[in-house]
Amino acid sequence: MNTLILLVESESSWSPLVWALEQGGESAEDGRIVIEGRLGWLSIEPDQSVLDDFDDDERADAVAALVDPSLFVIEWRGDVLIETFVRAVPSDSRVFVDNEHGVFAPVTVLRNIPFASWARAISVL
């Protein structure tokens, strides 16, 4: 299983949970939305507590980049569905990704880079 942290500006009109429901996702009892199908498996879970897992520098970057961000734990199997998800974030949305390996960047930058080259990488080259 693979994991990303998605940070969405609290004022954003785009919601990863709404997107997942529109794609046929189903609500789980724990608040996650799960999409499962031939393109893979994707889970989106709102979880503000993950900010506590960031080190001081990461937390400072997050707070500097976004005002009062909403955080989501994104887990997936199979890259097609997660790539579709990342590309679905509107260009005018203030959304950042932390890949938990060293990449912290706006989705608008990452969507133009092949997914496999940044999703599990320590930096965006």
Protein backbone atom coordinates (compact mmCIF):
# COMPACT_ATOMS: atom_id res chain seq x y z
CA MET A 1 0.00 0.00 0.00
CA ASN A 2 1.15 3.53 -0.79
CA THR A 3 0.45 6.72 1.15
CA LEU A 4 0.35 10.47 0.45
CA ILE A 5 -0.81 13.32 2.64
CA LEU A 6 -3.00 15.86 0.88
CA LEU A 7 -3.29 19.36 2.32
CA VAL A 8 -6.21 21.42 1.05
CA GLU A 9 -6.72 25.09 1.89
CA SER A 10 -9.74 25.28 4.16
CA GLU A 11 -11.42 27.86 1.91
CA SER A 12 -11.11 25.60 -1.16
CA SER A 13 -14.26 24.92 -3.16
CA TRP A 14 -12.77 21.56 -4.24
CA SER A 15 -13.04 18.58 -1.92
CA PRO A 16 -11.24 15.26 -2.33
CA LEU A 17 -14.15 13.55 -0.55
CA VAL A 18 -16.73 14.96 -2.97
CA TRP A 19 -14.51 13.99 -5.91
CA ALA A 20 -14.25 10.43 -4.62
CA LEU A 21 -18.00 10.13 -4.13
CA GLU A 22 -18.57 11.45 -7.67
CA GLN A 23 -16.24 8.70 -8.94
CA GLY A 24 -18.33 5.99 -7.31
CA GLY A 25 -16.58 5.93 -3.96
CA GLU A 26 -18.37 4.57 -0.94
CA SER A 27 -18.36 5.94 2.60
CA ALA A 28 -16.82 3.71 5.24
CA GLU A 29 -17.85 3.79 8.89
CA ASP A 30 -14.59 5.46 9.90
CA GLY A 31 -15.16 8.49 7.64
CA ARG A 32 -13.03 7.31 4.74
CA ILE A 33 -14.25 7.30 1.17
CA VAL A 34 -13.05 4.24 -0.75
CA ILE A 35 -13.01 3.67 -4.50
CA GLU A 36 -12.35 0.14 -5.67
CA GLY A 37 -12.42 -1.06 -9.24
CA ARG A 38 -10.49 -2.23 -12.24
CA LEU A 39 -8.25 0.87 -12.12
CA GLY A 40 -7.13 0.17 -8.57
CA TRP A 41 -8.04 1.04 -5.01
CA LEU A 42 -8.05 4.50 -3.41
CA SER A 43 -8.91 5.55 0.13
CA ILE A 44 -9.32 9.18 1.23
CA GLU A 45 -9.51 9.81 4.96
CA PRO A 46 -9.80 13.24 6.58
CA ASP A 47 -7.34 13.35 9.48
CA GLN A 48 -6.16 16.61 11.02
CA SER A 49 -3.97 14.69 13.47
CA VAL A 50 -1.39 13.82 10.77
CA LEU A 51 -0.03 17.36 11.11
CA ASP A 52 1.28 16.17 14.50
CA ASP A 53 3.43 13.63 12.62
CA PHE A 54 5.21 16.36 10.65
CA ASP A 55 8.58 17.47 11.99
CA ASP A 56 8.99 21.16 12.88
CA ASP A 57 10.31 22.16 9.43
CA GLU A 58 7.54 20.27 7.60
CA ARG A 59 4.89 21.80 9.83
CA ALA A 60 6.34 25.28 9.23
CA ASP A 61 6.26 24.66 5.45
CA ALA A 62 2.65 23.52 5.64
CA VAL A 63 1.54 26.51 7.70
CA ALA A 64 3.45 28.91 5.43
CA ALA A 65 1.93 27.39 2.28
CA LEU A 66 -1.70 27.12 3.37
CA VAL A 67 -3.96 28.93 5.79
CA ASP A 68 -5.69 26.45 8.09
CA PRO A 69 -5.27 23.40 5.82
CA SER A 70 -7.56 20.38 5.87
CA LEU A 71 -5.47 17.21 5.84
CA PHE A 72 -6.30 13.91 4.19
CA VAL A 73 -4.49 10.58 4.25
CA ILE A 74 -4.55 9.10 0.75
CA GLU A 75 -3.78 5.40 0.38
CA TRP A 76 -3.80 3.48 -2.89
CA ARG A 77 -2.93 0.39 -4.88
CA GLY A 78 -2.38 0.73 -8.61
CA ASP A 79 -1.16 4.06 -9.96
CA VAL A 80 -3.89 4.76 -12.55
CA LEU A 81 -6.55 5.82 -10.05
CA ILE A 82 -4.21 7.95 -7.92
CA GLU A 83 -2.86 9.66 -11.04
CA THR A 84 -6.42 10.42 -12.11
CA PHE A 85 -7.10 11.82 -8.64
CA VAL A 86 -4.04 14.11 -8.67
CA ARG A 87 -4.87 15.39 -12.15
CA ALA A 88 -8.48 16.07 -11.07
CA VAL A 89 -7.44 18.77 -8.60
CA PRO A 90 -8.43 22.08 -10.25
CA SER A 91 -5.53 24.32 -11.24
CA ASP A 92 -6.88 27.20 -9.18
CA SER A 93 -7.07 25.15 -5.96
CA ARG A 94 -4.48 25.57 -3.23
CA VAL A 95 -3.63 21.92 -2.64
CA PHE A 96 -0.28 20.48 -1.60
CA VAL A 97 1.02 16.93 -1.46
CA ASP A 98 3.44 15.44 1.04
CA ASN A 99 4.66 12.07 -0.23
CA GLU A 100 6.16 11.17 3.17
CA HIS A 101 9.60 10.72 1.57
CA GLY A 102 10.68 14.36 1.22
CA VAL A 103 8.48 15.85 -1.49
CA PHE A 104 6.18 18.67 -0.35
CA ALA A 105 4.82 20.56 -3.34
CA PRO A 106 1.70 22.10 -4.85
CA VAL A 107 -0.38 19.72 -6.93
CA THR A 108 -0.23 22.27 -9.77
CA VAL A 109 3.52 21.59 -10.03
CA LEU A 110 3.30 17.82 -9.57
CA ARG A 111 0.54 17.24 -12.13
CA ASN A 112 3.01 18.14 -14.91
CA ILE A 113 5.62 15.63 -13.74
CA PRO A 114 5.24 11.89 -14.37
CA PHE A 115 3.62 10.42 -11.28
CA ALA A 116 6.13 7.60 -10.84
CA SER A 117 9.01 10.11 -10.70
CA TRP A 118 7.72 11.96 -7.60
CA ALA A 119 5.23 9.77 -5.71
CA ARG A 120 7.89 7.73 -3.93
CA ALA A 121 10.91 10.01 -4.49
CA ILE A 122 12.85 12.07 -1.96
CA SER A 123 12.78 15.17 -4.20
CA VAL A 124 11.30 16.54 -7.38
CA LEU A 125 14.08 16.92 -9.90
